Amino acid sequence: MTIKELNKRKTPIVIIDKSLEKYKGEDLFPEKLDKANEVLRTIGIPKVNNSKHKKK
């Protein structure tokens, strides 16, 4: 595939570094995860306003 063909593609080509596999299943930021879970527990998930997406 040439550079011109790659530039015309609508979907990007992404290469994931295989060395990141060692972090799979591991909590990298446990403090942030705990804080996020606490916020979700106390406040909850915000409701989405679908009025923009309704068909007229």
N, C-alpha and C. Protein backbone atom coordinates (compact mmCIF):
# COMPACT_ATOMS: atom_id res chain seq x y z
N MET A 1 0.85 -1.16 0.00
CA MET A 1 0.00 0.00 0.00
C MET A 1 0.90 1.24 0.00
N THR A 2 0.55 2.19 -0.83
CA THR A 2 1.37 3.40 -0.94
C THR A 2 0.92 4.44 0.08
N ILE A 3 1.71 5.48 0.25
CA ILE A 3 1.39 6.57 1.16
C ILE A 3 0.10 7.26 0.72
N LYS A 4 -0.09 7.44 -0.57
CA LYS A 4 -1.30 8.10 -1.07
C LYS A 4 -2.54 7.28 -0.74
N GLU A 5 -2.44 5.96 -0.86
CA GLU A 5 -3.57 5.09 -0.53
C GLU A 5 -3.87 5.16 0.98
N LEU A 6 -2.82 5.19 1.79
CA LEU A 6 -2.99 5.30 3.24
C LEU A 6 -3.66 6.61 3.62
N ASN A 7 -3.29 7.69 2.96
CA ASN A 7 -3.85 9.00 3.26
C ASN A 7 -5.32 9.09 2.87
N LYS A 8 -5.75 8.31 1.88
CA LYS A 8 -7.14 8.33 1.43
C LYS A 8 -8.04 7.46 2.29
N ARG A 9 -7.48 6.61 3.14
CA ARG A 9 -8.29 5.72 3.99
C ARG A 9 -9.09 6.52 5.00
N LYS A 10 -10.30 6.09 5.25
CA LYS A 10 -11.15 6.77 6.23
C LYS A 10 -10.84 6.27 7.65
N THR A 11 -10.41 5.03 7.78
CA THR A 11 -10.08 4.49 9.09
C THR A 11 -8.57 4.50 9.27
N PRO A 12 -8.11 4.97 10.42
CA PRO A 12 -6.66 5.03 10.64
C PRO A 12 -6.08 3.64 10.90
N ILE A 13 -4.83 3.49 10.59
CA ILE A 13 -4.11 2.26 10.88
C ILE A 13 -3.34 2.50 12.17
N VAL A 14 -3.59 1.64 13.16
CA VAL A 14 -2.98 1.80 14.47
C VAL A 14 -2.19 0.55 14.79
N ILE A 15 -0.98 0.73 15.26
CA ILE A 15 -0.15 -0.39 15.69
C ILE A 15 0.02 -0.27 17.19
N ILE A 16 -0.37 -1.32 17.92
CA ILE A 16 -0.27 -1.33 19.38
C ILE A 16 1.02 -2.04 19.77
N ASP A 17 1.79 -1.39 20.62
CA ASP A 17 3.05 -1.94 21.08
C ASP A 17 2.80 -3.18 21.93
N LYS A 18 3.38 -4.31 21.57
CA LYS A 18 3.17 -5.58 22.26
C LYS A 18 3.74 -5.56 23.68
N SER A 19 4.65 -4.65 23.98
CA SER A 19 5.24 -4.60 25.32
C SER A 19 4.22 -4.10 26.35
N LEU A 20 3.09 -3.53 25.89
CA LEU A 20 2.06 -3.07 26.81
C LEU A 20 1.21 -4.21 27.36
N GLU A 21 1.35 -5.40 26.80
CA GLU A 21 0.58 -6.56 27.26
C GLU A 21 0.85 -6.88 28.73
N LYS A 22 2.02 -6.51 29.25
CA LYS A 22 2.34 -6.82 30.64
C LYS A 22 1.44 -6.07 31.62
N TYR A 23 0.79 -4.99 31.15
CA TYR A 23 -0.11 -4.21 32.00
C TYR A 23 -1.56 -4.66 31.90
N LYS A 24 -1.84 -5.63 31.06
CA LYS A 24 -3.21 -6.10 30.85
C LYS A 24 -3.75 -6.72 32.14
N GLY A 25 -4.93 -6.28 32.56
CA GLY A 25 -5.55 -6.82 33.76
C GLY A 25 -5.02 -6.21 35.04
N GLU A 26 -4.18 -5.21 34.94
CA GLU A 26 -3.58 -4.58 36.11
C GLU A 26 -4.18 -3.19 36.30
N ASP A 27 -4.44 -2.80 37.55
CA ASP A 27 -4.92 -1.46 37.84
C ASP A 27 -3.71 -0.54 37.92
N LEU A 28 -3.55 0.33 36.92
CA LEU A 28 -2.37 1.19 36.87
C LEU A 28 -2.50 2.40 37.79
N PHE A 29 -3.71 2.89 38.01
CA PHE A 29 -3.93 4.06 38.85
C PHE A 29 -5.01 3.73 39.87
N PRO A 30 -4.69 2.94 40.91
CA PRO A 30 -5.73 2.51 41.85
C PRO A 30 -6.38 3.67 42.61
N GLU A 31 -5.63 4.74 42.90
CA GLU A 31 -6.21 5.87 43.62
C GLU A 31 -7.28 6.55 42.78
N LYS A 32 -6.99 6.75 41.50
CA LYS A 32 -7.95 7.39 40.60
C LYS A 32 -9.16 6.49 40.38
N LEU A 33 -8.94 5.20 40.30
CA LEU A 33 -10.04 4.26 40.12
C LEU A 33 -10.95 4.28 41.34
N ASP A 34 -10.37 4.30 42.53
CA ASP A 34 -11.17 4.36 43.75
C ASP A 34 -11.99 5.66 43.81
N LYS A 35 -11.37 6.76 43.44
CA LYS A 35 -12.06 8.05 43.47
C LYS A 35 -13.22 8.07 42.45
N ALA A 36 -12.98 7.55 41.26
CA ALA A 36 -14.02 7.50 40.23
C ALA A 36 -15.18 6.62 40.67
N ASN A 37 -14.88 5.48 41.28
CA ASN A 37 -15.94 4.60 41.76
C ASN A 37 -16.75 5.26 42.87
N GLU A 38 -16.09 6.01 43.75
CA GLU A 38 -16.79 6.72 44.82
C GLU A 38 -17.72 7.78 44.25
N VAL A 39 -17.25 8.52 43.25
CA VAL A 39 -18.09 9.54 42.61
C VAL A 39 -19.31 8.90 41.96
N LEU A 40 -19.11 7.79 41.27
CA LEU A 40 -20.23 7.11 40.63
C LEU A 40 -21.21 6.57 41.66
N ARG A 41 -20.70 6.11 42.80
CA ARG A 41 -21.54 5.57 43.85
C ARG A 41 -22.39 6.67 44.49
N THR A 42 -21.80 7.85 44.70
CA THR A 42 -22.53 8.92 45.39
C THR A 42 -23.38 9.76 44.44
N ILE A 43 -22.86 10.12 43.30
CA ILE A 43 -23.57 11.01 42.37
C ILE A 43 -24.36 10.21 41.34
N GLY A 44 -23.76 9.16 40.83
CA GLY A 44 -24.40 8.34 39.81
C GLY A 44 -23.97 8.77 38.41
N ILE A 45 -24.46 8.06 37.44
CA ILE A 45 -24.13 8.34 36.05
C ILE A 45 -25.10 9.41 35.54
N PRO A 46 -24.58 10.45 34.88
CA PRO A 46 -25.48 11.51 34.38
C PRO A 46 -26.40 10.98 33.28
N LYS A 47 -27.62 11.53 33.26
CA LYS A 47 -28.59 11.14 32.24
C LYS A 47 -28.28 11.87 30.96
N VAL A 48 -28.46 11.18 29.85
CA VAL A 48 -28.20 11.76 28.53
C VAL A 48 -29.49 12.38 28.01
N ASN A 49 -29.39 13.60 27.53
CA ASN A 49 -30.53 14.29 26.94
C ASN A 49 -30.61 13.90 25.48
N ASN A 50 -31.63 13.14 25.13
CA ASN A 50 -31.78 12.64 23.76
C ASN A 50 -32.60 13.57 22.87
N SER A 51 -32.93 14.78 23.32
CA SER A 51 -33.78 15.65 22.52
C SER A 51 -33.13 16.06 21.21
N LYS A 52 -31.82 16.10 21.16
CA LYS A 52 -31.12 16.46 19.93
C LYS A 52 -31.19 15.36 18.89
N HIS A 53 -31.37 14.11 19.36
CA HIS A 53 -31.31 12.96 18.46
C HIS A 53 -32.69 12.47 18.03
N LYS A 54 -33.75 13.10 18.51
CA LYS A 54 -35.09 12.67 18.12
C LYS A 54 -35.39 13.07 16.68
N LYS A 55 -36.06 12.19 15.97
CA LYS A 55 -36.45 12.49 14.59
C LYS A 55 -37.70 13.34 14.60
N LYS A 56 -37.77 14.29 13.70
CA LYS A 56 -38.93 15.19 13.63
C LYS A 56 -39.85 14.77 12.52
